[in-house]
Amino acid sequence: MKKIFLSLMLLLAAGITAYAADAKKPKLMVFPSDDWCVAKGYTLPGTQTPDYEKALQDVDMDGAVAVMGDIMAEMGYEMFSLKQELKQIHTEDAYSMAVTSKADGMVQESDRDLITRNVGCDFIVELSLLNKPFGARRTIEFKAQTIDAASRKILHGDIGTSSASSAPTPILVKEAVGGFIDNFCHKIDLAFTNIEQNGREGSIVFKIADDCPLCFEDEVSIDGESGELAEYINYWLEEHAVDGNCNLNQKSRETLRFDQVRFPLFAAVAAGGFGSKKGKVKAQTMESFVKPIERDLARFGVSVTSVPIGQGSVYIVLGGK
């Protein structure tokens, strides 16, 4: 009987291990926290906007970001290097053409939004740390919090404190993180499972440009049905958002603003195009989610320009042809 019980337990353990190995893990990137950057003065000139390049010149923070990235990679997460991505966006010509002109200067994409959109990051892990003198030694109070890259909402956070020591910052950070890392990762996995089941949360703003022949209160017809342009957009989102989850929180003749729009984490690629395969599934951003309605809106005799902001936000501007 004992042999049978042990065999069952070994099979169960093997099954759990195999499941854990096969479970999808989100893509993560570690950033210094915005509040920490502002408090330390690591900001762009004349603004309260974090300058992450300056922040990573701080030896303590650079070490903390590296250590946290290594720990999360060991836990099985796909990690991206902030330092490498910063180098890339500031050397590419595309970055100098930042996203302002397309929407009459009404939007500005930050470094963080641009980076998370480029790498397809699911969550941001923000770090802040505080050195506390303790005689000839010191302790490090270390805070980590997870932020959804699409909605920018803070999901959870944990704080750890190292023992008093004269050891280098990376060692103290590892000690501080060790006290909460299992629970921290468990919460990330739960958040990712929720996104897989219920979709990412983001926002969409529709704007009417000065030269557009329509406003959102005008009646339009498509496929034999008629109604206000705003109605059509609202119906489309309710039909395509996960479980119809979307909220129209601003409506006027020139602006429609939707938030809490749940869009699927993955989508099948349509047939056609260079090297595309019908039915191939790939990760989705808000920008790719709204492509079908952009094509529909163009049928009303308007030009349509989309301006993505990070993973989860997009401005759609309707203008004249």
Protein backbone atom coordinates (compact mmCIF):
# COMPACT_ATOMS: atom_id res chain seq x y z
CA MET A 1 0.00 0.00 0.00
CA LYS A 2 2.86 2.35 0.89
CA LYS A 3 4.49 1.70 -2.50
CA ILE A 4 1.27 2.57 -4.30
CA PHE A 5 0.88 5.76 -2.24
CA LEU A 6 4.47 6.80 -2.93
CA SER A 7 4.03 6.11 -6.64
CA LEU A 8 0.90 8.27 -6.73
CA MET A 9 2.66 11.08 -4.88
CA LEU A 10 5.60 10.95 -7.30
CA LEU A 11 3.25 11.06 -10.29
CA LEU A 12 1.39 14.02 -8.76
CA ALA A 13 4.64 15.86 -8.08
CA ALA A 14 5.84 15.20 -11.63
CA GLY A 15 2.55 16.48 -13.00
CA ILE A 16 2.74 19.68 -10.96
CA THR A 17 6.36 20.23 -12.06
CA ALA A 18 5.45 19.69 -15.72
CA TYR A 19 2.49 22.06 -15.43
CA ALA A 20 4.67 24.75 -13.82
CA ALA A 21 7.26 24.34 -16.57
CA ASP A 22 4.63 24.64 -19.32
CA ALA A 23 2.71 27.55 -17.77
CA LYS A 24 3.08 30.77 -19.71
CA LYS A 25 5.09 33.47 -18.03
CA PRO A 26 4.64 37.20 -18.71
CA LYS A 27 7.32 39.46 -20.18
CA LEU A 28 8.79 41.84 -17.62
CA MET A 29 11.07 44.86 -17.47
CA VAL A 30 12.56 46.44 -14.35
CA PHE A 31 12.51 50.25 -13.99
CA PRO A 32 13.55 52.68 -11.26
CA SER A 33 10.30 54.02 -9.82
CA ASP A 34 9.16 57.42 -11.06
CA ASP A 35 8.79 58.74 -7.50
CA TRP A 36 12.35 57.65 -6.65
CA CYS A 37 13.70 59.36 -9.80
CA VAL A 38 11.93 62.61 -8.94
CA ALA A 39 13.06 62.50 -5.29
CA LYS A 40 16.68 61.97 -6.36
CA GLY A 41 16.52 64.65 -9.06
CA TYR A 42 16.95 62.22 -11.96
CA THR A 43 14.55 64.04 -14.25
CA LEU A 44 14.57 65.68 -17.67
CA PRO A 45 15.56 69.39 -17.49
CA GLY A 46 12.74 71.64 -16.27
CA THR A 47 10.28 68.75 -15.81
CA GLN A 48 9.16 66.10 -13.35
CA THR A 49 9.60 63.45 -16.06
CA PRO A 50 12.00 60.66 -15.02
CA ASP A 51 15.30 60.43 -16.85
CA TYR A 52 16.03 56.71 -16.65
CA GLU A 53 19.51 57.07 -18.14
CA LYS A 54 20.50 59.38 -15.27
CA ALA A 55 18.82 57.04 -12.78
CA LEU A 56 20.88 54.07 -13.99
CA GLN A 57 24.06 56.08 -13.45
CA ASP A 58 23.24 55.81 -9.75
CA VAL A 59 25.41 52.87 -8.69
CA ASP A 60 22.95 51.59 -6.07
CA MET A 61 19.95 51.67 -8.40
CA ASP A 62 21.88 50.20 -11.33
CA GLY A 63 22.90 47.29 -9.10
CA ALA A 64 19.36 46.87 -7.77
CA VAL A 65 17.84 46.78 -11.28
CA ALA A 66 20.42 44.21 -12.40
CA VAL A 67 19.89 42.00 -9.35
CA MET A 68 16.10 42.13 -9.59
CA GLY A 69 16.27 41.28 -13.30
CA ASP A 70 18.50 38.27 -12.59
CA ILE A 71 16.21 37.04 -9.80
CA MET A 72 13.08 37.33 -11.97
CA ALA A 73 14.85 35.56 -14.87
CA GLU A 74 15.75 32.71 -12.51
CA MET A 75 12.04 32.50 -11.60
CA GLY A 76 11.29 31.79 -15.28
CA TYR A 77 10.17 35.21 -16.54
CA GLU A 78 11.22 36.63 -19.90
CA MET A 79 13.18 39.74 -19.03
CA PHE A 80 14.20 42.77 -21.09
CA SER A 81 17.09 45.10 -20.29
CA LEU A 82 16.09 48.72 -19.69
CA LYS A 83 19.65 49.88 -20.30
CA GLN A 84 19.81 48.20 -23.71
CA GLU A 85 16.39 49.47 -24.78
CA LEU A 86 17.30 53.04 -23.81
CA LYS A 87 20.41 52.83 -25.96
CA GLN A 88 18.34 51.59 -28.88
CA ILE A 89 15.55 54.16 -28.83
CA HIS A 90 17.98 57.04 -28.55
CA THR A 91 20.05 55.88 -31.51
CA GLU A 92 17.20 55.09 -33.91
CA ASP A 93 15.97 57.77 -36.31
CA ALA A 94 12.40 56.71 -35.56
CA TYR A 95 12.67 58.02 -32.03
CA SER A 96 13.42 61.56 -33.17
CA MET A 97 10.09 61.50 -35.04
CA ALA A 98 8.16 61.05 -31.77
CA VAL A 99 4.47 60.73 -31.90
CA THR A 100 3.30 64.31 -31.52
CA SER A 101 2.62 65.67 -34.98
CA LYS A 102 0.12 63.06 -36.15
CA ALA A 103 -2.46 64.14 -33.60
CA ASP A 104 -1.89 67.89 -33.69
CA GLY A 105 0.48 67.75 -30.72
CA MET A 106 -2.15 66.50 -28.28
CA VAL A 107 -0.26 63.38 -27.20
CA GLN A 108 3.29 62.61 -26.18
CA GLU A 109 4.72 59.12 -25.75
CA SER A 110 7.14 58.79 -22.86
CA ASP A 111 10.32 56.72 -22.95
CA ARG A 112 8.64 54.10 -20.79
CA ASP A 113 5.56 53.85 -23.01
CA LEU A 114 7.71 53.62 -26.12
CA ILE A 115 9.96 50.93 -24.64
CA THR A 116 7.14 48.74 -23.32
CA ARG A 117 5.36 48.99 -26.68
CA ASN A 118 8.51 48.09 -28.62
CA VAL A 119 9.34 45.00 -26.56
CA GLY A 120 5.75 43.87 -25.92
CA CYS A 121 6.21 44.00 -22.16
CA ASP A 122 3.31 42.70 -20.02
CA PHE A 123 4.29 44.12 -16.65
CA ILE A 124 6.72 46.69 -15.29
CA VAL A 125 8.50 46.03 -12.01
CA GLU A 126 9.28 49.40 -10.39
CA LEU A 127 12.01 49.69 -7.78
CA SER A 128 12.89 52.21 -5.14
CA LEU A 129 15.47 51.90 -2.40
CA LEU A 130 16.56 53.79 0.67
CA ASN A 131 19.95 53.54 2.36
CA LYS A 132 19.72 53.85 6.15
CA PRO A 133 22.98 54.39 8.08
CA PHE A 134 23.44 51.99 10.99
CA GLY A 135 26.66 53.01 12.70
CA ALA A 136 29.55 51.97 10.44
CA ARG A 137 27.11 49.78 8.51
CA ARG A 138 23.82 50.36 6.73
CA THR A 139 20.53 48.71 5.90
CA ILE A 140 18.64 48.90 2.62
CA GLU A 141 14.89 49.32 2.55
CA PHE A 142 13.82 47.97 -0.82
CA LYS A 143 10.40 48.38 -2.44
CA ALA A 144 9.16 46.61 -5.58
CA GLN A 145 5.77 47.07 -7.19
CA THR A 146 4.17 45.59 -10.30
CA ILE A 147 2.44 47.84 -12.83
CA ASP A 148 0.33 46.66 -15.76
CA ALA A 149 2.11 47.94 -18.87
CA ALA A 150 -1.17 48.47 -20.76
CA SER A 151 -3.44 50.10 -18.18
CA ARG A 152 -0.56 51.60 -16.11
CA LYS A 153 -2.40 50.49 -12.95
CA ILE A 154 -0.39 49.46 -9.89
CA LEU A 155 -1.23 45.81 -9.18
CA HIS A 156 0.66 45.13 -5.97
CA GLY A 157 3.84 45.92 -4.09
CA ASP A 158 6.14 44.52 -1.40
CA ILE A 159 8.81 45.96 0.87
CA GLY A 160 11.89 44.20 2.21
CA THR A 161 14.69 45.32 4.51
CA SER A 162 18.20 43.93 4.64
CA SER A 163 20.19 43.30 7.79
CA ALA A 164 22.73 45.91 8.92
CA SER A 165 25.88 45.30 6.90
CA SER A 166 28.77 46.90 5.07
CA ALA A 167 28.23 44.51 2.12
CA PRO A 168 27.77 45.85 -1.45
CA THR A 169 24.32 46.96 -2.56
CA PRO A 170 23.58 43.89 -4.77
CA ILE A 171 24.07 41.55 -1.81
CA LEU A 172 21.83 43.65 0.44
CA VAL A 173 19.19 43.86 -2.30
CA LYS A 174 19.20 40.05 -2.72
CA GLU A 175 18.68 39.69 1.01
CA ALA A 176 15.84 42.22 1.09
CA VAL A 177 14.12 40.66 -1.94
CA GLY A 178 14.47 37.12 -0.59
CA GLY A 179 11.88 37.80 2.10
CA PHE A 180 9.04 38.48 -0.34
CA ILE A 181 10.00 37.24 -3.82
CA ASP A 182 7.88 34.04 -3.81
CA ASN A 183 4.71 35.91 -2.86
CA PHE A 184 5.60 38.75 -5.27
CA CYS A 185 5.94 36.35 -8.21
CA HIS A 186 2.77 34.49 -7.22
CA LYS A 187 0.82 37.76 -7.48
CA ILE A 188 2.34 38.48 -10.91
CA ASP A 189 1.27 35.03 -12.13
CA LEU A 190 -2.27 35.56 -10.82
CA ALA A 191 -2.46 38.94 -12.56
CA PHE A 192 -1.26 37.40 -15.84
CA THR A 193 -3.83 34.60 -15.59
CA ASN A 194 -6.54 37.22 -15.09
CA ILE A 195 -5.38 39.05 -18.24
CA GLU A 196 -5.34 35.81 -20.24
CA GLN A 197 -8.94 35.11 -19.17
CA ASN A 198 -10.41 38.62 -19.16
CA GLY A 199 -8.24 40.58 -21.59
CA ARG A 200 -5.88 43.52 -21.17
CA GLU A 201 -7.30 46.80 -20.00
CA GLY A 202 -6.64 49.94 -22.01
CA SER A 203 -8.10 53.16 -23.37
CA ILE A 204 -9.06 54.61 -26.75
CA VAL A 205 -9.64 58.26 -27.67
CA PHE A 206 -11.39 59.14 -30.94
CA LYS A 207 -10.88 62.73 -32.13
CA ILE A 208 -12.33 64.81 -34.98
CA ALA A 209 -9.77 66.99 -36.78
CA ASP A 210 -10.66 70.47 -38.09
CA ASP A 211 -10.84 69.29 -41.71
CA CYS A 212 -13.01 66.22 -41.04
CA PRO A 213 -16.34 66.26 -42.94
CA LEU A 214 -18.09 64.42 -40.06
CA CYS A 215 -18.61 64.78 -36.33
CA PHE A 216 -19.60 62.01 -33.93
CA GLU A 217 -23.26 63.11 -33.90
CA ASP A 218 -23.62 62.77 -37.69
CA GLU A 219 -25.60 59.86 -39.12
CA VAL A 220 -23.69 57.26 -41.12
CA SER A 221 -24.73 54.08 -42.94
CA ILE A 222 -22.92 50.79 -43.19
CA ASP A 223 -24.14 47.41 -44.42
CA GLY A 224 -27.67 48.73 -44.76
CA GLU A 225 -27.95 50.10 -41.22
CA SER A 226 -27.86 53.75 -40.10
CA GLY A 227 -27.13 55.60 -36.88
CA GLU A 228 -24.85 58.15 -35.26
CA LEU A 229 -21.14 57.70 -35.86
CA ALA A 230 -20.66 57.59 -32.08
CA GLU A 231 -23.23 54.79 -31.85
CA TYR A 232 -21.42 52.74 -34.47
CA ILE A 233 -18.08 53.08 -32.64
CA ASN A 234 -19.69 52.19 -29.31
CA TYR A 235 -21.41 49.12 -30.74
CA TRP A 236 -18.20 47.95 -32.41
CA LEU A 237 -16.27 48.12 -29.14
CA GLU A 238 -19.00 46.35 -27.19
CA GLU A 239 -18.97 43.54 -29.76
CA HIS A 240 -15.18 43.13 -29.91
CA ALA A 241 -14.04 43.86 -26.34
CA VAL A 242 -13.80 40.84 -24.04
CA ASP A 243 -17.31 40.26 -22.61
CA GLY A 244 -18.27 43.67 -24.01
CA ASN A 245 -16.20 45.44 -21.35
CA CYS A 246 -15.66 49.10 -22.28
CA ASN A 247 -16.70 52.37 -20.73
CA LEU A 248 -17.54 55.59 -22.62
CA ASN A 249 -16.54 58.27 -20.14
CA GLN A 250 -16.51 61.32 -22.44
CA LYS A 251 -18.69 62.12 -25.43
CA SER A 252 -18.96 65.30 -27.50
CA ARG A 253 -19.21 66.23 -31.16
CA GLU A 254 -15.41 66.10 -31.47
CA THR A 255 -14.27 63.57 -28.84
CA LEU A 256 -15.10 60.05 -27.68
CA ARG A 257 -13.03 58.71 -24.79
CA PHE A 258 -13.28 55.06 -23.78
CA ASP A 259 -11.51 53.56 -20.80
CA GLN A 260 -11.52 50.12 -19.13
CA VAL A 261 -11.58 48.59 -22.61
CA ARG A 262 -10.72 44.90 -22.28
CA PHE A 263 -9.02 43.62 -25.41
CA PRO A 264 -7.84 40.01 -25.97
CA LEU A 265 -4.26 39.20 -25.02
CA PHE A 266 -3.78 37.21 -28.23
CA ALA A 267 -5.36 37.35 -31.68
CA ALA A 268 -5.21 35.27 -34.86
CA VAL A 269 -3.37 36.86 -37.76
CA ALA A 270 -5.49 37.42 -40.87
CA ALA A 271 -4.47 35.84 -44.17
CA GLY A 272 -2.50 37.88 -46.69
CA GLY A 273 0.51 40.14 -46.48
CA PHE A 274 4.20 39.33 -46.46
CA GLY A 275 4.84 35.97 -44.83
CA SER A 276 1.57 35.96 -42.88
CA LYS A 277 -0.16 32.71 -42.00
CA LYS A 278 -3.90 32.55 -41.50
CA GLY A 279 -4.74 31.47 -37.97
CA LYS A 280 -1.28 32.17 -36.54
CA VAL A 281 -1.74 33.54 -33.04
CA LYS A 282 0.33 36.48 -31.78
CA ALA A 283 0.30 38.88 -28.85
CA GLN A 284 -1.94 41.90 -29.29
CA THR A 285 -1.70 45.56 -28.35
CA MET A 286 -4.47 48.14 -28.35
CA GLU A 287 -3.04 49.42 -31.63
CA SER A 288 -3.55 46.07 -33.36
CA PHE A 289 -6.94 45.54 -31.68
CA VAL A 290 -8.43 48.71 -33.25
CA LYS A 291 -7.09 48.16 -36.81
CA PRO A 292 -10.40 46.67 -38.06
CA ILE A 293 -12.49 49.66 -36.92
CA GLU A 294 -9.96 52.04 -38.50
CA ARG A 295 -10.60 50.34 -41.84
CA ASP A 296 -14.37 50.59 -41.27
CA LEU A 297 -14.21 54.30 -40.42
CA ALA A 298 -12.29 55.00 -43.65
CA ARG A 299 -15.40 53.81 -45.54
CA PHE A 300 -17.20 56.97 -44.36
CA GLY A 301 -15.02 59.18 -46.56
CA VAL A 302 -12.55 60.27 -43.88
CA SER A 303 -8.83 59.77 -43.30
CA VAL A 304 -7.92 57.78 -40.21
CA THR A 305 -4.67 58.16 -38.28
CA SER A 306 -3.85 56.13 -35.19
CA VAL A 307 -1.28 57.17 -32.60
CA PRO A 308 -0.29 54.41 -30.16
CA ILE A 309 0.76 55.31 -26.63
CA GLY A 310 2.46 52.36 -24.99
CA GLN A 311 0.79 48.95 -25.08
CA GLY A 312 -2.69 49.88 -23.99
CA SER A 313 -3.68 53.30 -25.33
CA VAL A 314 -4.34 54.70 -28.78
CA TYR A 315 -5.60 57.97 -30.26
CA ILE A 316 -7.64 57.62 -33.45
CA VAL A 317 -7.92 60.89 -35.38
CA LEU A 318 -10.53 61.33 -38.13
CA GLY A 319 -9.72 63.97 -40.74
CA GLY A 320 -10.42 65.01 -44.32
CA LYS A 321 -9.11 63.08 -47.30
